[in-house]
Amino acid sequence: MVELSTLDWVVLAGFFVLLLGVVVMSMRQKEEDTADYFLAGRNASWLVIGASIFASNIGSEHLVGLSGAGAQSGMALAHWEMQSWIILLLGWVFVPFYWSSKVYTMPEFLERRFNAKSRTFLSVISLISYVLTKVAVTVYAGGIAFKTILGIDSIWGIDFFWISAISLVLITGIYTVLGGMKAIMWTSVLQTPVLIIGSVVILVVGLDKVGGWSEVERLNDVNMHLIRSASDSEFPWPGIIFGSFIIGFWYWCTDQYIVQRVLSAKGIKEARRGTMFAGYLKLLPIFIFLVPGMIAYALNAKGIISYESADQAFPTLVAELLPSGVKGIVIGGLVAALMSSLASLFNSSATLFTIDFYKKFKPESSEKHLLKVGRLATIAIVILGLLWIPVMSLIADVLYEYLQSVQSLIAPGIAAVFLLGLCSKRITPTAGFVGLVSGFVLGMIRLVLLPFKDDLTGSSFAWITDMNWLYYCILLFVVVVVLMIVVSIFTKQASEEQLKGLTFSSLDKATLKEVADGLDKWDYIHTAGILAITAFIYYRFW
């Protein structure tokens, strides 16, 4: 249990006062249309974009789940936190397509490249996955973290887990509904430094308590390596290298949850530089979340701290190591991570519903009416998040595994469709839709069969559940790519007019000129810097 001092409470109170001020400031900038509410008026700077991408990505699954992964398997999952180079792909390669097309959502982009059926199907997949994974993981892990850190079992006979989880959802839902994307983007600028400062404090104090970095390396031993044997049952190196890229490409370059931030940019230049800033920030989680988990493992081995499960590593570090006056900063960072992720999720989900469903079927709706629908959709997502919490408590023991399984099964089909669709004009609208559907169906077959893995031993379906999850992800991607190419051979290609500006070979000269005019030496220097840091980390922990 954490005993908060007066200073801790003052720090926490100050954080919430600043947060309230930012939200009020955002609300005073009255939204005139859906571009204001969902995309902050398409006027965001690189600083706001980069901070928002990072803050949206970092949730309780990082503070709790990634630290737990560090305590259990060491550096194995660091590959997912070293995907800054994929964020650079978003800025350098995909932003010109997305931003110049003036779309609100990724499904809307797919409709322009392929057809309306592809848009609807991707919207359905995205909304379902958001509620079942992002809301579930963030809210559940957050509730567990606060209960462990504060050591409060119940208040007035109500489990403190429910009180903290529901409070997080409601508070975040309120400022998301009232402030829209502007509130989310600007609160991210406040939340990002609080999150980083709090986590750095944990890192420094933990290293001091364990006896330095050499002790962490000695006690974690083989878990210090990024690359594992190809026969490793969980993290074989071919699966990690190629599987993490497929999942990373889907998440960073095609998922509405992230891409919506660059769609809010003033222009292509600001969007690209925002991804560079996010690229630098994305390198931090290895050191401020995963390494503290490894420190917790070392401290546990030395008997300095103790925890029952790996996911309690981070909360235990906060509860047992931090001096009075510092806990408020760390807890503020945890609150920032939770709220920024939830706010982004709520707004992205409302955007998908309003633009891809409601406006599509009621195109005559006015902008003011769509704003109202967007707010109501946000409220609906908040309610669904609350209703899903009891379900998550039933699968808590496999929460992180569940999240990874779902993402590795959703990502391949979507990644293949976007990648082939942008690279080649020959990929037909029918092939795009077939790729989405087949990828989702084949992924869900494995997800449905996994609970019955033991019963399938010796059957013709056993290979589906027995195959390493990363290898299955790669296989699924290859199957969808081959299927799309074959279908394209026998179906009609989209017209040149439809494809204009939506593939590499058809990008218009005005967009190319805007990309070229916005480049200077610092774009190249920062890109090289991010790639060099990433390469050094791989070299150091190979």
Protein backbone atom coordinates (compact mmCIF):
# COMPACT_ATOMS: atom_id res chain seq x y z
CA MET A 1 0.00 0.00 0.00
CA VAL A 2 1.22 3.52 -0.84
CA GLU A 3 0.99 6.10 1.92
CA LEU A 4 0.59 9.40 0.11
CA SER A 5 2.05 12.47 1.80
CA THR A 6 0.58 15.96 1.65
CA LEU A 7 3.05 16.81 -1.12
CA ASP A 8 1.90 13.80 -3.14
CA TRP A 9 -1.70 14.97 -2.94
CA VAL A 10 -0.67 18.52 -3.90
CA VAL A 11 1.15 17.18 -6.99
CA LEU A 12 -1.86 15.09 -8.01
CA ALA A 13 -4.24 17.99 -7.41
CA GLY A 14 -2.01 20.28 -9.47
CA PHE A 15 -2.02 17.79 -12.34
CA PHE A 16 -5.82 17.63 -12.40
CA VAL A 17 -6.14 21.43 -12.16
CA LEU A 18 -3.87 21.83 -15.19
CA LEU A 19 -5.81 19.11 -17.01
CA LEU A 20 -9.08 20.88 -16.28
CA GLY A 21 -7.61 24.15 -17.54
CA VAL A 22 -6.54 22.58 -20.83
CA VAL A 23 -9.97 21.01 -21.34
CA VAL A 24 -11.74 24.32 -20.61
CA MET A 25 -9.42 26.11 -23.03
CA SER A 26 -10.22 23.52 -25.72
CA MET A 27 -13.97 23.83 -25.09
CA ARG A 28 -13.83 27.62 -25.57
CA GLN A 29 -12.57 27.03 -29.12
CA LYS A 30 -16.05 26.21 -30.36
CA GLU A 31 -16.32 23.47 -32.97
CA GLU A 32 -17.88 24.64 -36.20
CA ASP A 33 -17.94 21.31 -37.99
CA THR A 34 -16.83 17.66 -37.84
CA ALA A 35 -13.28 18.57 -38.90
CA ASP A 36 -13.03 20.64 -35.71
CA TYR A 37 -14.44 17.93 -33.43
CA PHE A 38 -12.73 14.86 -34.92
CA LEU A 39 -9.54 16.35 -36.42
CA ALA A 40 -8.94 19.49 -34.30
CA GLY A 41 -9.70 21.68 -37.31
CA ARG A 42 -6.78 20.14 -39.24
CA ASN A 43 -4.53 22.73 -37.61
CA ALA A 44 -2.25 20.72 -35.29
CA SER A 45 1.49 21.38 -35.09
CA TRP A 46 4.26 18.76 -35.07
CA LEU A 47 4.70 19.06 -31.28
CA VAL A 48 1.04 18.36 -30.58
CA ILE A 49 0.88 15.53 -33.14
CA GLY A 50 3.99 13.75 -31.83
CA ALA A 51 2.93 14.07 -28.19
CA SER A 52 -0.56 12.83 -29.04
CA ILE A 53 0.71 9.80 -30.98
CA PHE A 54 2.93 8.83 -28.06
CA ALA A 55 0.36 9.50 -25.34
CA SER A 56 -2.33 7.63 -27.29
CA ASN A 57 -0.06 4.62 -27.67
CA ILE A 58 1.04 4.51 -24.03
CA GLY A 59 -1.64 3.08 -21.77
CA SER A 60 -1.87 0.92 -18.70
CA GLU A 61 -0.86 -2.07 -20.83
CA HIS A 62 2.59 -0.44 -21.01
CA LEU A 63 2.97 0.56 -17.37
CA VAL A 64 1.47 -2.68 -16.12
CA GLY A 65 1.68 -5.14 -19.03
CA LEU A 66 5.04 -4.17 -20.53
CA SER A 67 6.70 -3.95 -17.11
CA GLY A 68 5.22 -7.35 -16.36
CA ALA A 69 6.60 -8.67 -19.64
CA GLY A 70 10.02 -7.29 -18.71
CA ALA A 71 9.84 -9.09 -15.37
CA GLN A 72 8.81 -12.35 -17.02
CA SER A 73 10.63 -12.53 -20.37
CA GLY A 74 13.14 -9.67 -20.32
CA MET A 75 13.90 -7.92 -23.61
CA ALA A 76 11.84 -10.27 -25.81
CA LEU A 77 8.96 -7.83 -26.32
CA ALA A 78 11.24 -4.81 -26.80
CA HIS A 79 10.87 -5.31 -30.57
CA TRP A 80 7.38 -3.80 -30.33
CA GLU A 81 8.81 -0.73 -28.60
CA MET A 82 11.56 -0.27 -31.22
CA GLN A 83 9.18 0.44 -34.07
CA SER A 84 10.08 4.11 -34.38
CA TRP A 85 11.26 3.34 -37.90
CA ILE A 86 7.73 2.20 -38.78
CA ILE A 87 6.37 5.51 -37.43
CA LEU A 88 8.84 7.16 -39.83
CA LEU A 89 7.24 5.14 -42.64
CA LEU A 90 3.93 6.71 -41.67
CA GLY A 91 5.41 10.19 -41.93
CA TRP A 92 7.58 9.77 -45.01
CA VAL A 93 5.54 7.34 -47.10
CA PHE A 94 1.88 7.23 -46.08
CA VAL A 95 1.10 10.75 -44.84
CA PRO A 96 1.13 12.21 -48.40
CA PHE A 97 -1.65 9.78 -49.39
CA TYR A 98 -3.74 10.15 -46.25
CA TRP A 99 -3.45 13.89 -45.72
CA SER A 100 -3.83 14.99 -49.35
CA SER A 101 -6.95 12.84 -49.77
CA LYS A 102 -8.61 14.85 -46.93
CA VAL A 103 -10.24 11.73 -45.50
CA TYR A 104 -11.45 11.51 -41.90
CA THR A 105 -10.95 7.77 -41.45
CA MET A 106 -8.93 4.85 -42.77
CA PRO A 107 -12.08 2.99 -43.89
CA GLU A 108 -12.98 6.09 -45.94
CA PHE A 109 -9.56 5.88 -47.61
CA LEU A 110 -10.18 2.22 -48.44
CA GLU A 111 -13.49 3.12 -50.06
CA ARG A 112 -11.71 5.51 -52.40
CA ARG A 113 -9.02 2.95 -53.23
CA PHE A 114 -11.30 -0.09 -53.46
CA ASN A 115 -15.05 0.07 -52.82
CA ALA A 116 -17.79 0.85 -50.27
CA LYS A 117 -17.91 -2.76 -49.03
CA SER A 118 -14.25 -2.55 -47.96
CA ARG A 119 -14.98 0.64 -46.02
CA THR A 120 -17.90 -0.86 -44.13
CA PHE A 121 -16.10 -4.10 -43.31
CA LEU A 122 -12.98 -2.33 -41.99
CA SER A 123 -15.15 -0.03 -39.87
CA VAL A 124 -16.89 -3.02 -38.28
CA ILE A 125 -13.59 -4.81 -37.60
CA SER A 126 -12.07 -1.66 -36.09
CA LEU A 127 -14.98 -0.84 -33.80
CA ILE A 128 -15.22 -4.41 -32.51
CA SER A 129 -11.48 -4.65 -31.87
CA TYR A 130 -11.43 -1.26 -30.07
CA VAL A 131 -14.12 -2.27 -27.59
CA LEU A 132 -12.84 -5.83 -27.07
CA THR A 133 -9.13 -5.04 -26.79
CA LYS A 134 -8.18 -1.39 -26.24
CA VAL A 135 -10.99 -0.49 -23.82
CA ALA A 136 -10.71 -3.84 -22.09
CA VAL A 137 -6.94 -3.82 -21.54
CA THR A 138 -6.63 -0.14 -20.58
CA VAL A 139 -9.51 -0.09 -18.12
CA TYR A 140 -8.86 -3.47 -16.52
CA ALA A 141 -5.10 -3.00 -16.12
CA GLY A 142 -5.69 0.52 -14.80
CA GLY A 143 -8.12 -0.71 -12.17
CA ILE A 144 -5.68 -3.40 -11.05
CA ALA A 145 -2.79 -0.91 -10.92
CA PHE A 146 -4.59 1.59 -8.70
CA LYS A 147 -5.88 -1.11 -6.39
CA THR A 148 -2.36 -2.57 -6.00
CA ILE A 149 -0.57 0.78 -5.64
CA LEU A 150 -3.00 2.32 -3.18
CA GLY A 151 -3.64 -0.94 -1.34
CA ILE A 152 -7.36 -0.21 -0.98
CA ASP A 153 -9.57 -3.29 -1.13
CA SER A 154 -12.96 -1.64 -0.96
CA ILE A 155 -14.86 1.54 -0.13
CA TRP A 156 -18.35 1.32 1.34
CA GLY A 157 -18.31 -2.38 0.54
CA ILE A 158 -17.56 -1.80 -3.17
CA ASP A 159 -14.40 -3.36 -4.64
CA PHE A 160 -11.94 -0.50 -5.24
CA PHE A 161 -11.11 -2.01 -8.64
CA TRP A 162 -14.59 -1.08 -9.88
CA ILE A 163 -14.45 2.38 -8.34
CA SER A 164 -11.13 3.26 -9.98
CA ALA A 165 -11.95 1.66 -13.34
CA ILE A 166 -15.37 3.29 -13.66
CA SER A 167 -14.05 6.68 -12.48
CA LEU A 168 -11.33 6.61 -15.15
CA VAL A 169 -13.83 5.83 -17.91
CA LEU A 170 -16.32 8.48 -16.79
CA ILE A 171 -13.82 11.33 -16.26
CA THR A 172 -12.10 10.65 -19.58
CA GLY A 173 -15.42 10.25 -21.36
CA ILE A 174 -16.66 13.62 -20.09
CA TYR A 175 -13.72 15.66 -21.36
CA THR A 176 -13.61 13.72 -24.64
CA VAL A 177 -17.29 14.42 -25.31
CA LEU A 178 -17.01 18.10 -24.36
CA GLY A 179 -13.64 18.96 -25.88
CA GLY A 180 -13.31 16.61 -28.86
CA MET A 181 -9.96 16.10 -30.60
CA LYS A 182 -8.65 19.50 -29.53
CA ALA A 183 -8.96 18.53 -25.87
CA ILE A 184 -7.27 15.18 -26.56
CA MET A 185 -4.37 16.69 -28.49
CA TRP A 186 -3.65 19.46 -25.98
CA THR A 187 -4.06 17.29 -22.89
CA SER A 188 -1.53 14.93 -24.49
CA VAL A 189 1.02 17.76 -24.44
CA LEU A 190 0.46 18.00 -20.67
CA GLN A 191 0.22 14.26 -20.02
CA THR A 192 3.32 13.18 -21.98
CA PRO A 193 5.96 14.93 -19.80
CA VAL A 194 4.15 13.89 -16.60
CA LEU A 195 4.17 10.28 -17.80
CA ILE A 196 7.85 10.38 -18.78
CA ILE A 197 9.02 12.11 -15.58
CA GLY A 198 7.11 9.67 -13.37
CA SER A 199 8.51 6.63 -15.17
CA VAL A 200 12.09 7.96 -15.17
CA VAL A 201 11.87 8.36 -11.40
CA ILE A 202 10.97 4.66 -11.09
CA LEU A 203 13.91 3.72 -13.34
CA VAL A 204 16.48 5.76 -11.39
CA VAL A 205 15.29 4.68 -7.93
CA GLY A 206 15.05 1.04 -9.04
CA LEU A 207 18.59 1.00 -10.44
CA ASP A 208 19.90 2.50 -7.21
CA LYS A 209 18.12 -0.09 -5.06
CA VAL A 210 19.22 -3.10 -7.13
CA GLY A 211 22.87 -2.06 -7.19
CA GLY A 212 23.27 -0.73 -10.72
CA TRP A 213 22.87 -1.93 -14.28
CA SER A 214 25.41 -4.73 -13.93
CA GLU A 215 23.21 -6.40 -11.30
CA VAL A 216 20.18 -6.18 -13.60
CA GLU A 217 22.16 -7.88 -16.38
CA ARG A 218 23.58 -10.54 -14.06
CA LEU A 219 20.27 -11.56 -12.54
CA ASN A 220 18.22 -11.42 -15.76
CA ASP A 221 20.93 -13.39 -17.59
CA VAL A 222 19.61 -14.82 -20.92
CA ASN A 223 16.54 -12.60 -20.77
CA MET A 224 18.77 -9.64 -21.65
CA HIS A 225 18.87 -10.75 -25.30
CA LEU A 226 16.54 -9.41 -27.99
CA ILE A 227 17.13 -12.29 -30.39
CA ARG A 228 16.06 -15.77 -29.33
CA SER A 229 16.51 -19.15 -31.04
CA ALA A 230 14.34 -19.95 -34.06
CA SER A 231 13.03 -22.92 -32.05
CA ASP A 232 11.99 -20.77 -29.07
CA SER A 233 8.40 -21.69 -28.24
CA GLU A 234 7.27 -18.09 -27.62
CA PHE A 235 9.62 -15.64 -29.33
CA PRO A 236 11.51 -17.29 -32.25
CA TRP A 237 13.63 -14.68 -34.03
CA PRO A 238 12.07 -15.07 -37.53
CA GLY A 239 8.62 -14.67 -35.97
CA ILE A 240 9.70 -11.67 -33.91
CA ILE A 241 11.36 -9.85 -36.84
CA PHE A 242 8.66 -10.38 -39.47
CA GLY A 243 5.62 -10.85 -37.22
CA SER A 244 6.29 -7.68 -35.21
CA PHE A 245 6.67 -5.73 -38.47
CA ILE A 246 3.27 -6.90 -39.75
CA ILE A 247 1.56 -5.99 -36.48
CA GLY A 248 3.52 -2.73 -36.25
CA PHE A 249 2.72 -1.71 -39.81
CA TRP A 250 -0.99 -2.31 -39.20
CA TYR A 251 -0.95 -0.36 -35.93
CA TRP A 252 1.23 2.61 -36.86
CA CYS A 253 0.39 3.09 -40.54
CA THR A 254 -3.22 1.96 -41.01
CA ASP A 255 -5.06 2.02 -37.67
CA GLN A 256 -7.50 4.91 -37.17
CA TYR A 257 -6.44 5.10 -33.51
CA ILE A 258 -2.98 6.40 -34.52
CA VAL A 259 -3.40 7.80 -38.03
CA GLN A 260 -6.14 10.21 -36.89
CA ARG A 261 -3.39 12.25 -35.24
CA VAL A 262 -1.55 12.97 -38.52
CA LEU A 263 -4.85 13.68 -40.27
CA SER A 264 -5.18 16.62 -37.84
CA ALA A 265 -2.01 18.28 -39.14
CA LYS A 266 -1.74 21.74 -40.70
CA GLY A 267 -0.01 20.13 -43.65
CA ILE A 268 2.20 17.27 -44.80
CA LYS A 269 5.34 18.91 -43.34
CA GLU A 270 3.85 19.21 -39.84
CA ALA A 271 2.47 15.66 -40.03
CA ARG A 272 5.85 14.23 -41.04
CA ARG A 273 7.72 16.11 -38.31
CA GLY A 274 5.10 15.02 -35.81
CA THR A 275 5.90 11.40 -36.62
CA MET A 276 9.61 12.13 -36.13
CA PHE A 277 8.95 13.57 -32.68
CA ALA A 278 6.80 10.52 -31.90
CA GLY A 279 9.64 8.33 -33.20
CA TYR A 280 12.03 9.72 -30.60
CA LEU A 281 9.43 9.36 -27.84
CA LYS A 282 8.63 5.78 -28.88
CA LEU A 283 12.18 4.69 -28.03
CA LEU A 284 11.57 5.58 -24.37
CA PRO A 285 9.22 2.73 -23.29
CA ILE A 286 12.04 0.19 -23.41
CA PHE A 287 13.87 2.10 -20.70
CA ILE A 288 11.02 3.57 -18.67
CA PHE A 289 8.60 0.60 -18.70
CA LEU A 290 10.29 -2.64 -19.80
CA VAL A 291 13.61 -2.15 -17.96
CA PRO A 292 11.84 -1.35 -14.66
CA GLY A 293 10.14 -4.73 -15.03
CA MET A 294 13.58 -6.35 -15.32
CA ILE A 295 14.70 -4.33 -12.30
CA ALA A 296 11.68 -5.65 -10.39
CA TYR A 297 12.69 -9.20 -11.32
CA ALA A 298 16.23 -8.56 -10.02
CA LEU A 299 14.94 -6.98 -6.81
CA ASN A 300 12.59 -9.91 -6.29
CA ALA A 301 15.47 -12.34 -6.80
CA LYS A 302 17.47 -10.48 -4.13
CA GLY A 303 14.52 -10.48 -1.73
CA ILE A 304 14.21 -6.69 -1.63
CA ILE A 305 10.65 -6.72 -2.94
CA SER A 306 8.11 -9.44 -3.64
CA TYR A 307 5.11 -9.77 -5.94
CA GLU A 308 2.71 -12.58 -6.76
CA SER A 309 2.49 -12.15 -10.55
CA ALA A 310 4.57 -10.40 -13.20
CA ASP A 311 1.83 -7.83 -13.87
CA GLN A 312 2.25 -6.56 -10.30
CA ALA A 313 5.89 -5.61 -10.92
CA PHE A 314 5.30 -1.92 -11.71
CA PRO A 315 2.71 -1.27 -8.98
CA THR A 316 4.99 -3.00 -6.46
CA LEU A 317 7.94 -0.78 -7.42
CA VAL A 318 5.79 2.30 -6.85
CA ALA A 319 4.41 1.01 -3.55
CA GLU A 320 7.68 -0.16 -2.00
CA LEU A 321 10.51 1.96 -3.41
CA LEU A 322 9.46 5.53 -3.96
CA PRO A 323 10.14 8.15 -1.28
CA SER A 324 7.43 10.43 0.05
CA GLY A 325 6.73 13.35 -2.24
CA VAL A 326 7.59 11.46 -5.44
CA LYS A 327 4.71 8.99 -5.53
CA GLY A 328 2.30 11.73 -6.63
CA ILE A 329 4.34 12.31 -9.80
CA VAL A 330 4.37 8.61 -10.68
CA ILE A 331 0.67 8.13 -9.96
CA GLY A 332 0.00 11.25 -12.03
CA GLY A 333 1.94 9.62 -14.87
CA LEU A 334 -0.17 6.48 -14.56
CA VAL A 335 -3.36 8.55 -14.65
CA ALA A 336 -2.02 10.42 -17.70
CA ALA A 337 -1.31 7.17 -19.55
CA LEU A 338 -4.73 5.77 -18.82
CA MET A 339 -6.68 8.90 -19.71
CA SER A 340 -4.79 9.72 -22.91
CA SER A 341 -5.28 6.20 -24.30
CA LEU A 342 -8.96 6.09 -23.39
CA ALA A 343 -9.64 9.58 -24.76
CA SER A 344 -8.02 8.70 -28.09
CA LEU A 345 -9.97 5.46 -28.24
CA PHE A 346 -13.31 7.12 -27.53
CA ASN A 347 -12.77 9.83 -30.14
CA SER A 348 -11.50 7.44 -32.84
CA SER A 349 -14.43 5.11 -32.29
CA ALA A 350 -16.91 8.00 -32.49
CA THR A 351 -15.22 9.19 -35.70
CA LEU A 352 -15.57 5.76 -37.30
CA PHE A 353 -19.23 5.49 -36.36
CA THR A 354 -20.20 9.04 -37.36
CA ILE A 355 -18.28 9.27 -40.65
CA ASP A 356 -18.33 5.67 -41.86
CA PHE A 357 -21.82 4.67 -40.78
CA TYR A 358 -24.12 7.55 -39.93
CA LYS A 359 -22.98 10.07 -42.56
CA LYS A 360 -22.80 7.35 -45.20
CA PHE A 361 -26.43 6.36 -44.73
CA LYS A 362 -27.65 9.93 -44.03
CA PRO A 363 -25.49 12.09 -46.30
CA GLU A 364 -27.93 15.00 -46.07
CA SER A 365 -27.10 15.51 -42.35
CA SER A 366 -25.83 18.97 -41.43
CA GLU A 367 -22.47 19.53 -39.77
CA LYS A 368 -24.15 20.56 -36.51
CA HIS A 369 -26.21 17.37 -36.54
CA LEU A 370 -23.11 15.26 -37.18
CA LEU A 371 -21.38 16.97 -34.24
CA LYS A 372 -24.28 15.94 -32.02
CA VAL A 373 -24.12 12.37 -33.35
CA GLY A 374 -20.36 12.32 -32.74
CA ARG A 375 -20.82 13.28 -29.09
CA LEU A 376 -23.60 10.72 -28.64
CA ALA A 377 -21.42 8.05 -30.27
CA THR A 378 -18.63 8.90 -27.83
CA ILE A 379 -21.05 8.47 -24.92
CA ALA A 380 -22.14 5.10 -26.35
CA ILE A 381 -18.53 3.90 -26.54
CA VAL A 382 -18.02 4.99 -22.92
CA ILE A 383 -21.05 2.94 -21.86
CA LEU A 384 -19.86 -0.10 -23.85
CA GLY A 385 -16.47 0.24 -22.13
CA LEU A 386 -18.15 0.16 -18.73
CA LEU A 387 -20.29 -2.86 -19.66
CA TRP A 388 -17.23 -4.76 -20.88
CA ILE A 389 -15.32 -4.43 -17.58
CA PRO A 390 -17.10 -7.36 -15.83
CA VAL A 391 -16.34 -9.60 -18.82
CA MET A 392 -12.64 -8.75 -18.65
CA SER A 393 -12.48 -9.82 -15.02
CA LEU A 394 -13.34 -13.35 -16.19
CA ILE A 395 -10.28 -13.55 -18.46
CA ALA A 396 -7.84 -11.52 -16.37
CA ASP A 397 -5.31 -14.33 -16.05
CA VAL A 398 -4.68 -14.31 -19.79
CA LEU A 399 -5.25 -10.62 -20.45
CA TYR A 400 -1.92 -9.78 -22.09
CA GLU A 401 -1.81 -13.03 -24.08
CA TYR A 402 -5.39 -12.36 -25.17
CA LEU A 403 -4.49 -8.88 -26.41
CA GLN A 404 -1.47 -10.08 -28.39
CA SER A 405 -3.44 -12.96 -29.91
CA VAL A 406 -6.23 -10.72 -31.14
CA GLN A 407 -3.86 -8.14 -32.61
CA SER A 408 -1.72 -10.74 -34.37
CA LEU A 409 -4.86 -12.16 -36.00
CA ILE A 410 -6.47 -8.86 -37.02
CA ALA A 411 -3.32 -7.16 -38.33
CA PRO A 412 -2.19 -9.39 -41.27
CA GLY A 413 -5.25 -9.01 -43.49
CA ILE A 414 -5.53 -5.24 -43.02
CA ALA A 415 -1.77 -4.72 -43.45
CA ALA A 416 -1.76 -6.75 -46.69
CA VAL A 417 -4.70 -4.82 -48.16
CA PHE A 418 -3.19 -1.38 -47.44
CA LEU A 419 0.31 -2.34 -48.55
CA LEU A 420 -0.69 -3.93 -51.85
CA GLY A 421 -3.37 -1.32 -52.48
CA LEU A 422 -0.85 1.53 -52.28
CA CYS A 423 1.97 -0.26 -54.08
CA SER A 424 0.10 -1.47 -57.15
CA LYS A 425 -2.69 -0.10 -59.33
CA ARG A 426 -3.31 -3.66 -60.53
CA ILE A 427 -4.83 -4.76 -57.20
CA THR A 428 -8.56 -4.66 -57.90
CA PRO A 429 -11.47 -3.49 -55.72
CA THR A 430 -12.70 -7.08 -55.48
CA ALA A 431 -9.27 -8.25 -54.35
CA GLY A 432 -9.19 -5.59 -51.63
CA PHE A 433 -12.52 -6.71 -50.19
CA VAL A 434 -11.62 -10.41 -50.48
CA GLY A 435 -8.32 -9.72 -48.69
CA LEU A 436 -10.05 -7.99 -45.77
CA VAL A 437 -12.70 -10.69 -45.34
CA SER A 438 -10.38 -13.68 -45.78
CA GLY A 439 -7.78 -12.23 -43.42
CA PHE A 440 -10.37 -11.60 -40.71
CA VAL A 441 -12.09 -14.99 -41.12
CA LEU A 442 -8.83 -16.97 -41.10
CA GLY A 443 -7.66 -15.04 -38.05
CA MET A 444 -10.88 -15.60 -36.14
CA ILE A 445 -10.77 -19.34 -36.88
CA ARG A 446 -7.62 -19.60 -34.79
CA LEU A 447 -9.01 -17.31 -32.08
CA VAL A 448 -12.14 -19.45 -31.75
CA LEU A 449 -10.15 -22.72 -31.69
CA LEU A 450 -7.51 -21.60 -29.14
CA PRO A 451 -9.67 -22.28 -26.04
CA PHE A 452 -10.10 -25.88 -27.28
CA LYS A 453 -6.41 -26.44 -28.00
CA ASP A 454 -6.07 -29.48 -25.73
CA ASP A 455 -9.18 -31.13 -27.17
CA LEU A 456 -7.86 -30.73 -30.73
CA THR A 457 -4.64 -32.70 -30.10
CA GLY A 458 -4.22 -35.28 -32.86
CA SER A 459 -6.96 -33.79 -35.06
CA SER A 460 -6.55 -32.21 -38.47
CA PHE A 461 -7.06 -28.76 -36.87
CA ALA A 462 -4.30 -29.17 -34.27
CA TRP A 463 -1.68 -27.39 -36.40
CA ILE A 464 -3.75 -24.19 -36.34
CA THR A 465 -3.56 -23.88 -32.55
CA ASP A 466 -0.13 -25.49 -32.13
CA MET A 467 1.69 -23.13 -34.52
CA ASN A 468 3.59 -20.30 -32.82
CA TRP A 469 1.39 -17.18 -32.80
CA LEU A 470 3.99 -15.09 -34.64
CA TYR A 471 4.50 -17.72 -37.35
CA TYR A 472 0.73 -17.93 -37.79
CA CYS A 473 0.64 -14.14 -38.18
CA ILE A 474 3.25 -14.33 -40.96
CA LEU A 475 1.48 -17.25 -42.67
CA LEU A 476 -1.81 -15.35 -42.59
CA PHE A 477 -0.18 -12.30 -44.18
CA VAL A 478 1.38 -14.37 -46.98
CA VAL A 479 -1.89 -16.21 -47.68
CA VAL A 480 -3.83 -12.95 -47.97
CA VAL A 481 -1.18 -11.40 -50.26
CA VAL A 482 -1.22 -14.43 -52.60
CA LEU A 483 -5.03 -14.54 -52.60
CA MET A 484 -5.28 -10.83 -53.48
CA ILE A 485 -2.83 -11.21 -56.37
CA VAL A 486 -4.73 -14.22 -57.76
CA VAL A 487 -8.12 -12.50 -57.46
CA SER A 488 -6.70 -9.38 -59.17
CA ILE A 489 -5.75 -11.45 -62.20
CA PHE A 490 -9.37 -12.45 -62.79
CA THR A 491 -11.24 -9.29 -61.75
CA LYS A 492 -11.62 -5.76 -63.14
CA GLN A 493 -9.12 -3.07 -62.21
CA ALA A 494 -10.28 0.31 -60.89
CA SER A 495 -10.31 3.24 -63.30
CA GLU A 496 -7.40 5.67 -63.56
CA GLU A 497 -9.68 8.43 -62.30
CA GLN A 498 -10.55 6.48 -59.13
CA LEU A 499 -6.89 5.63 -58.47
CA LYS A 500 -5.61 9.19 -58.87
CA GLY A 501 -3.52 10.09 -55.84
CA LEU A 502 -4.16 6.75 -54.11
CA THR A 503 -1.15 4.70 -55.27
CA PHE A 504 2.57 5.43 -55.51
CA SER A 505 2.45 5.66 -59.29
CA SER A 506 -0.62 7.92 -59.37
CA LEU A 507 0.28 10.48 -56.68
CA ASP A 508 -0.41 13.92 -58.15
CA LYS A 509 2.33 16.47 -58.83
CA ALA A 510 0.89 19.06 -56.42
CA THR A 511 1.22 16.65 -53.48
CA LEU A 512 4.75 15.63 -54.54
CA LYS A 513 5.70 19.31 -54.76
CA GLU A 514 4.31 19.97 -51.25
CA VAL A 515 6.35 17.02 -49.93
CA ALA A 516 9.54 18.26 -51.62
CA ASP A 517 9.08 21.91 -50.64
CA GLY A 518 8.66 20.99 -46.98
CA LEU A 519 11.93 19.08 -46.72
CA ASP A 520 15.15 20.43 -45.21
CA LYS A 521 18.33 19.01 -43.69
CA TRP A 522 16.73 18.54 -40.26
CA ASP A 523 14.23 16.05 -41.64
CA TYR A 524 17.11 13.88 -42.82
CA ILE A 525 19.18 14.43 -39.65
CA HIS A 526 16.34 13.45 -37.29
CA THR A 527 15.39 10.45 -39.41
CA ALA A 528 19.00 9.24 -39.41
CA GLY A 529 19.21 9.87 -35.66
CA ILE A 530 16.16 7.71 -34.88
CA LEU A 531 17.42 4.90 -37.12
CA ALA A 532 20.90 5.07 -35.55
CA ILE A 533 19.52 4.85 -31.99
CA THR A 534 17.35 1.89 -32.96
CA ALA A 535 20.31 0.11 -34.60
CA PHE A 536 22.47 0.71 -31.51
CA ILE A 537 19.85 -0.81 -29.20
CA TYR A 538 19.67 -3.91 -31.39
CA TYR A 539 23.48 -4.13 -31.39
CA ARG A 540 23.72 -3.65 -27.61
CA PHE A 541 21.12 -6.28 -26.69
CA TRP A 542 21.55 -8.71 -29.57
